[in-house]
Structure formats: C-alpha cells, structure tokens
C-alpha cells in the first residue's frame, strides 16, 4: 500500500515536471502550422503620437504581392489610414549624394535662379 502511494506521488511529480516541456512543444507545432499567416505580416515602424495613440506601418501579404498599411492605433480601435503596394515607386526616394556628384547632374548654381533671387 505504501509503495502504491509513493509510486502515484512520483508519477504526478514527473507529470508536473514534464508539463512546461509539453506546452512548449504544442505551441511550437501550432506556430509551424500557421507560419504562412504569421510570416506574412511585418511591422515596419511605429510612432507614438499621443499617450495612447500610435501610427503603425505594417507590411502584409505573401512575397511578391505585399501591401503597406498605415494604421492609426488607439486603445479602443485600429483604423486603416492609407494603403500602398510595396512595389509602387515613391516620389521622394532618397538619392545617394556621391552618385549625384559623380554624375555632375547638380550644378553649382542649382539652388539660385539666374536672376539671383532665392526661391520660395
């Protein structure tokens, strides 16, 4: 009778010791199954605009067909402010300064018009 009780207590100790390992294994399997949905979303940037408000830029979609979402996020709501395809060229793309100088496309008087008056 004493050995049965000791065996039962030992079984429960081993069961509780294995519980965290089992939970971790189940979670890793679940994340592998849903990897397509999880891997298709990436937070590009987040800017706080108030104590409980943020503007978040998120890239969503499968590779090759990604879309950028600009989201307004508060404690109560998430609002889509703007959407844009990732492959859409942006008007103000940064240009490498060395390349501009090497090409000679910027003249020394580019910022000052011929009449000498500054541009407004």
N, C-alpha and C. Protein backbone atom coordinates (compact mmCIF):
# COMPACT_ATOMS: atom_id res chain seq x y z
N UNK A 1 0.82 -1.18 0.00
CA UNK A 1 0.00 0.00 0.00
C UNK A 1 0.87 1.25 0.00
N UNK A 2 1.92 1.27 0.80
CA UNK A 2 2.81 2.42 0.87
C UNK A 2 3.55 2.61 -0.45
N UNK A 3 3.93 1.51 -1.10
CA UNK A 3 4.66 1.63 -2.36
C UNK A 3 3.74 2.14 -3.47
N UNK A 4 2.45 1.78 -3.42
CA UNK A 4 1.49 2.28 -4.42
C UNK A 4 1.34 3.79 -4.28
N UNK A 5 1.25 4.30 -3.10
CA UNK A 5 1.10 5.73 -2.85
C UNK A 5 2.36 6.47 -3.29
N UNK A 6 3.51 5.92 -2.95
CA UNK A 6 4.78 6.53 -3.35
C UNK A 6 4.92 6.55 -4.87
N UNK A 7 4.51 5.48 -5.52
CA UNK A 7 4.56 5.41 -6.98
C UNK A 7 3.62 6.44 -7.61
N UNK A 8 2.45 6.61 -7.04
CA UNK A 8 1.48 7.58 -7.55
C UNK A 8 1.99 9.01 -7.37
N UNK A 9 2.57 9.32 -6.23
CA UNK A 9 3.13 10.65 -5.99
C UNK A 9 4.29 10.90 -6.95
N UNK A 10 5.15 9.91 -7.15
CA UNK A 10 6.25 10.04 -8.10
C UNK A 10 5.76 10.29 -9.52
N UNK A 11 4.68 9.60 -9.90
CA UNK A 11 4.10 9.80 -11.23
C UNK A 11 3.63 11.24 -11.41
N UNK A 12 2.95 11.79 -10.41
CA UNK A 12 2.47 13.17 -10.51
C UNK A 12 3.60 14.19 -10.51
N UNK A 13 4.67 13.92 -9.77
CA UNK A 13 5.83 14.82 -9.79
C UNK A 13 6.45 14.84 -11.18
N UNK A 14 6.60 13.67 -11.79
CA UNK A 14 7.16 13.59 -13.15
C UNK A 14 6.20 14.26 -14.14
N UNK A 15 4.90 14.06 -13.97
CA UNK A 15 3.91 14.68 -14.86
C UNK A 15 4.00 16.20 -14.79
N UNK A 16 4.08 16.76 -13.58
CA UNK A 16 4.18 18.22 -13.44
C UNK A 16 5.52 18.74 -13.95
N UNK A 17 6.57 17.96 -13.84
CA UNK A 17 7.88 18.37 -14.36
C UNK A 17 7.87 18.40 -15.89
N UNK A 18 7.12 17.52 -16.52
CA UNK A 18 7.06 17.45 -17.98
C UNK A 18 6.06 18.43 -18.59
N UNK A 19 5.20 19.03 -17.78
CA UNK A 19 4.16 19.92 -18.28
C UNK A 19 4.71 21.12 -19.05
N UNK A 20 5.70 21.88 -18.57
CA UNK A 20 6.22 23.01 -19.36
C UNK A 20 6.80 22.57 -20.71
N UNK A 21 7.50 21.44 -20.72
CA UNK A 21 8.06 20.93 -21.98
C UNK A 21 6.94 20.61 -22.96
N UNK A 22 5.86 19.98 -22.48
CA UNK A 22 4.75 19.62 -23.36
C UNK A 22 4.05 20.86 -23.91
N UNK A 23 3.86 21.87 -23.08
CA UNK A 23 3.22 23.11 -23.54
C UNK A 23 4.08 23.78 -24.60
N UNK A 24 5.39 23.84 -24.38
CA UNK A 24 6.29 24.46 -25.36
C UNK A 24 6.26 23.71 -26.69
N UNK A 25 6.22 22.41 -26.63
CA UNK A 25 6.19 21.58 -27.85
C UNK A 25 4.88 21.80 -28.61
N UNK A 26 3.77 21.87 -27.91
CA UNK A 26 2.48 22.10 -28.55
C UNK A 26 2.44 23.49 -29.20
N UNK A 27 2.97 24.49 -28.51
CA UNK A 27 2.99 25.83 -29.08
C UNK A 27 3.88 25.91 -30.31
N UNK A 28 5.02 25.24 -30.30
CA UNK A 28 5.90 25.28 -31.47
C UNK A 28 5.26 24.58 -32.66
N UNK A 29 4.54 23.50 -32.43
CA UNK A 29 3.83 22.82 -33.52
C UNK A 29 2.72 23.71 -34.08
N UNK A 30 2.01 24.40 -33.21
CA UNK A 30 0.93 25.27 -33.66
C UNK A 30 1.48 26.44 -34.47
N UNK A 31 2.65 26.97 -34.10
CA UNK A 31 3.22 28.09 -34.85
C UNK A 31 3.73 27.63 -36.21
N UNK A 32 4.19 26.39 -36.32
CA UNK A 32 4.63 25.87 -37.62
C UNK A 32 3.46 25.68 -38.56
N UNK A 33 2.32 25.26 -38.05
CA UNK A 33 1.14 25.06 -38.87
C UNK A 33 0.65 26.39 -39.42
N UNK A 34 0.63 27.44 -38.61
CA UNK A 34 0.15 28.74 -39.04
C UNK A 34 1.25 29.68 -39.47
N UNK A 35 2.41 29.15 -39.88
CA UNK A 35 3.55 30.01 -40.23
C UNK A 35 3.28 30.88 -41.43
N UNK A 36 2.42 30.43 -42.35
CA UNK A 36 2.13 31.25 -43.52
C UNK A 36 1.42 32.53 -43.15
N UNK A 37 0.50 32.46 -42.23
CA UNK A 37 -0.23 33.64 -41.81
C UNK A 37 0.63 34.54 -40.94
N UNK A 38 1.44 33.95 -40.06
CA UNK A 38 2.27 34.75 -39.18
C UNK A 38 3.41 35.40 -39.94
N UNK A 39 4.03 34.68 -40.86
CA UNK A 39 5.17 35.20 -41.60
C UNK A 39 4.79 36.25 -42.63
N UNK A 40 3.50 36.41 -42.92
CA UNK A 40 3.06 37.33 -43.94
C UNK A 40 2.80 38.73 -43.40
N UNK A 41 3.17 39.01 -42.17
CA UNK A 41 2.93 40.30 -41.56
C UNK A 41 4.19 40.77 -40.86
N UNK A 42 4.58 42.04 -41.12
CA UNK A 42 5.80 42.58 -40.51
C UNK A 42 5.57 44.04 -40.16
N UNK A 43 5.86 44.42 -38.92
CA UNK A 43 5.75 45.82 -38.50
C UNK A 43 7.00 46.55 -38.98
N UNK A 44 6.81 47.55 -39.83
CA UNK A 44 7.93 48.31 -40.39
C UNK A 44 8.34 49.43 -39.44
N UNK A 45 7.36 50.17 -38.93
CA UNK A 45 7.67 51.25 -38.00
C UNK A 45 6.44 51.55 -37.15
N UNK A 46 6.70 52.18 -36.01
CA UNK A 46 5.63 52.61 -35.11
C UNK A 46 6.04 53.93 -34.47
N UNK A 47 5.15 54.90 -34.54
CA UNK A 47 5.45 56.22 -33.99
C UNK A 47 4.33 56.60 -33.02
N UNK A 48 4.72 56.96 -31.81
CA UNK A 48 3.74 57.41 -30.84
C UNK A 48 3.37 58.86 -31.11
N UNK A 49 2.07 59.13 -31.22
CA UNK A 49 1.61 60.49 -31.46
C UNK A 49 0.84 61.06 -30.28
N UNK A 50 0.68 60.26 -29.26
CA UNK A 50 -0.02 60.69 -28.05
C UNK A 50 0.19 59.64 -26.98
N UNK A 51 -0.38 59.87 -25.80
CA UNK A 51 -0.16 58.91 -24.72
C UNK A 51 -0.70 57.52 -25.01
N UNK A 52 -1.76 57.42 -25.78
CA UNK A 52 -2.36 56.11 -26.09
C UNK A 52 -2.63 55.96 -27.58
N UNK A 53 -1.95 56.74 -28.42
CA UNK A 53 -2.16 56.67 -29.86
C UNK A 53 -0.83 56.42 -30.57
N UNK A 54 -0.89 55.61 -31.62
CA UNK A 54 0.29 55.32 -32.43
C UNK A 54 -0.10 55.30 -33.90
N UNK A 55 0.87 55.61 -34.75
CA UNK A 55 0.73 55.40 -36.18
C UNK A 55 1.72 54.29 -36.51
N UNK A 56 1.20 53.19 -37.03
CA UNK A 56 2.00 51.99 -37.28
C UNK A 56 1.97 51.68 -38.76
N UNK A 57 3.15 51.40 -39.33
CA UNK A 57 3.25 50.97 -40.71
C UNK A 57 3.52 49.48 -40.71
N UNK A 58 2.66 48.72 -41.42
CA UNK A 58 2.74 47.27 -41.42
C UNK A 58 2.81 46.79 -42.87
N UNK A 59 3.66 45.79 -43.12
CA UNK A 59 3.75 45.16 -44.44
C UNK A 59 3.04 43.82 -44.35
N UNK A 60 2.02 43.61 -45.17
CA UNK A 60 1.24 42.38 -45.14
C UNK A 60 1.18 41.76 -46.52
N UNK A 61 0.89 40.47 -46.55
CA UNK A 61 0.71 39.76 -47.81
C UNK A 61 1.84 38.81 -48.10
N UNK A 62 1.59 37.90 -49.04
CA UNK A 62 2.62 36.93 -49.42
C UNK A 62 3.74 37.61 -50.20
N UNK A 63 4.93 37.03 -50.25
CA UNK A 63 6.03 37.63 -51.02
C UNK A 63 5.64 37.84 -52.48
N UNK A 64 5.96 39.01 -52.98
CA UNK A 64 5.62 39.36 -54.36
C UNK A 64 4.31 40.12 -54.49
N UNK A 65 3.46 40.05 -53.50
CA UNK A 65 2.18 40.75 -53.55
C UNK A 65 1.94 41.48 -52.23
N UNK A 66 2.98 42.08 -51.70
CA UNK A 66 2.88 42.72 -50.39
C UNK A 66 2.23 44.10 -50.49
N UNK A 67 1.60 44.49 -49.40
CA UNK A 67 0.94 45.78 -49.30
C UNK A 67 1.37 46.44 -47.99
N UNK A 68 1.62 47.74 -48.06
CA UNK A 68 1.95 48.50 -46.86
C UNK A 68 0.65 49.13 -46.34
N UNK A 69 0.40 48.98 -45.05
CA UNK A 69 -0.75 49.59 -44.41
C UNK A 69 -0.26 50.60 -43.38
N UNK A 70 -0.82 51.78 -43.40
CA UNK A 70 -0.55 52.77 -42.36
C UNK A 70 -1.78 52.76 -41.46
N UNK A 71 -1.57 52.37 -40.21
CA UNK A 71 -2.68 52.18 -39.29
C UNK A 71 -2.63 53.18 -38.14
N UNK A 72 -3.77 53.71 -37.78
CA UNK A 72 -3.89 54.51 -36.57
C UNK A 72 -4.37 53.59 -35.46
N UNK A 73 -3.59 53.48 -34.39
CA UNK A 73 -3.89 52.52 -33.33
C UNK A 73 -4.12 53.26 -32.02
N UNK A 74 -5.27 53.01 -31.40
CA UNK A 74 -5.57 53.53 -30.07
C UNK A 74 -5.89 52.35 -29.17
N UNK A 75 -6.25 52.63 -27.92
CA UNK A 75 -6.62 51.55 -27.01
C UNK A 75 -7.91 50.86 -27.44
N UNK A 76 -8.81 51.59 -28.11
CA UNK A 76 -10.10 51.03 -28.47
C UNK A 76 -10.19 50.57 -29.92
N UNK A 77 -9.49 51.23 -30.84
CA UNK A 77 -9.70 50.95 -32.26
C UNK A 77 -8.39 50.90 -33.03
N UNK A 78 -8.48 50.27 -34.20
CA UNK A 78 -7.41 50.30 -35.19
C UNK A 78 -8.06 50.78 -36.48
N UNK A 79 -7.53 51.87 -37.07
CA UNK A 79 -8.10 52.46 -38.27
C UNK A 79 -7.06 52.44 -39.37
N UNK A 80 -7.45 51.98 -40.56
CA UNK A 80 -6.55 51.99 -41.71
C UNK A 80 -6.54 53.40 -42.30
N UNK A 81 -5.37 54.05 -42.25
CA UNK A 81 -5.26 55.42 -42.73
C UNK A 81 -4.88 55.48 -44.21
N UNK A 82 -4.04 54.51 -44.65
CA UNK A 82 -3.58 54.52 -46.04
C UNK A 82 -3.08 53.13 -46.41
N UNK A 83 -3.22 52.76 -47.69
CA UNK A 83 -2.67 51.51 -48.21
C UNK A 83 -1.85 51.82 -49.45
N UNK A 84 -0.79 51.01 -49.66
CA UNK A 84 0.07 51.21 -50.83
C UNK A 84 0.73 49.88 -51.16
N UNK A 85 0.79 49.55 -52.44
CA UNK A 85 1.51 48.35 -52.87
C UNK A 85 3.00 48.57 -52.63
N UNK A 86 3.72 47.54 -52.21
CA UNK A 86 5.14 47.68 -51.87
C UNK A 86 5.97 48.07 -53.07
N UNK A 87 5.62 47.59 -54.26
CA UNK A 87 6.41 47.86 -55.46
C UNK A 87 6.12 49.21 -56.08
N UNK A 88 5.23 50.00 -55.49
CA UNK A 88 4.91 51.32 -56.02
C UNK A 88 6.07 52.27 -55.77
N UNK A 89 6.57 52.94 -56.83
CA UNK A 89 7.68 53.87 -56.60
C UNK A 89 7.22 55.08 -55.79
N UNK A 90 8.06 55.52 -54.91
CA UNK A 90 7.78 56.68 -54.07
C UNK A 90 8.39 57.91 -54.72
N UNK A 91 7.67 59.03 -54.70
CA UNK A 91 8.13 60.24 -55.39
C UNK A 91 9.42 60.79 -54.79
N UNK A 92 9.55 60.77 -53.49
CA UNK A 92 10.71 61.34 -52.83
C UNK A 92 11.69 60.26 -52.40
N UNK A 93 12.13 59.43 -53.33
CA UNK A 93 13.08 58.39 -52.98
C UNK A 93 14.44 59.02 -52.74
N UNK A 94 15.14 58.61 -51.70
CA UNK A 94 16.45 59.20 -51.42
C UNK A 94 17.47 58.83 -52.49
N UNK A 95 18.31 59.77 -52.80
CA UNK A 95 19.34 59.58 -53.82
C UNK A 95 20.69 59.63 -53.13
N UNK A 96 21.59 58.74 -53.54
CA UNK A 96 22.93 58.73 -52.97
C UNK A 96 23.66 60.00 -53.41
N UNK A 97 24.15 60.77 -52.46
CA UNK A 97 24.80 62.05 -52.73
C UNK A 97 26.06 61.87 -53.58
N UNK A 98 26.83 60.82 -53.33
CA UNK A 98 28.03 60.56 -54.13
C UNK A 98 27.70 60.33 -55.59
N UNK A 99 26.60 59.61 -55.84
CA UNK A 99 26.21 59.33 -57.23
C UNK A 99 25.82 60.62 -57.93
N UNK A 100 25.10 61.48 -57.25
CA UNK A 100 24.68 62.75 -57.85
C UNK A 100 25.91 63.58 -58.20
N UNK A 101 26.87 63.65 -57.29
CA UNK A 101 28.08 64.43 -57.55
C UNK A 101 28.92 63.82 -58.67
N UNK A 102 29.01 62.49 -58.69
CA UNK A 102 29.80 61.82 -59.72
C UNK A 102 29.19 62.01 -61.11
N UNK A 103 27.88 62.04 -61.20
CA UNK A 103 27.21 62.23 -62.49
C UNK A 103 27.26 63.68 -62.95
N UNK A 104 27.52 64.59 -62.03
CA UNK A 104 27.56 66.01 -62.39
C UNK A 104 26.20 66.58 -62.70
N UNK A 105 25.15 65.95 -62.20
CA UNK A 105 23.80 66.41 -62.52
C UNK A 105 23.37 67.61 -61.68
N UNK A 106 24.15 67.98 -60.68
CA UNK A 106 23.84 69.14 -59.87
C UNK A 106 24.87 70.21 -60.20
N UNK A 107 24.38 71.36 -60.68
CA UNK A 107 25.31 72.46 -60.98
C UNK A 107 25.53 73.29 -59.73
N UNK A 108 26.55 74.08 -59.70
CA UNK A 108 26.86 74.87 -58.52
C UNK A 108 25.83 75.97 -58.28
N UNK A 109 25.08 76.39 -59.30
CA UNK A 109 24.08 77.44 -59.16
C UNK A 109 22.67 76.88 -59.18
N UNK A 110 22.51 75.59 -58.88
CA UNK A 110 21.19 74.97 -58.97
C UNK A 110 20.20 75.56 -57.97
N UNK A 111 20.66 75.99 -56.81
CA UNK A 111 19.76 76.50 -55.79
C UNK A 111 19.42 77.96 -56.00
N UNK A 112 20.18 78.68 -56.83
CA UNK A 112 19.95 80.09 -57.05
C UNK A 112 19.53 80.31 -58.51
N UNK A 113 18.38 80.90 -58.75
CA UNK A 113 17.95 81.17 -60.12
C UNK A 113 18.85 82.20 -60.80
N UNK A 114 18.71 82.34 -62.10
CA UNK A 114 19.55 83.23 -62.88
C UNK A 114 19.46 84.69 -62.41
N UNK A 115 18.29 85.11 -61.94
CA UNK A 115 18.14 86.49 -61.50
C UNK A 115 18.71 86.73 -60.10
N UNK A 116 19.17 85.67 -59.42
CA UNK A 116 19.79 85.81 -58.11
C UNK A 116 18.83 85.83 -56.95
N UNK A 117 17.53 85.85 -57.22
CA UNK A 117 16.54 85.89 -56.14
C UNK A 117 16.34 84.47 -55.59
N UNK A 118 16.29 84.32 -54.29
CA UNK A 118 16.09 82.98 -53.72
C UNK A 118 14.69 82.45 -54.03
N UNK A 119 14.60 81.14 -54.20
CA UNK A 119 13.30 80.52 -54.46
C UNK A 119 12.54 80.35 -53.17
N UNK A 120 11.22 80.55 -53.25
CA UNK A 120 10.38 80.39 -52.07
C UNK A 120 9.46 79.21 -52.27
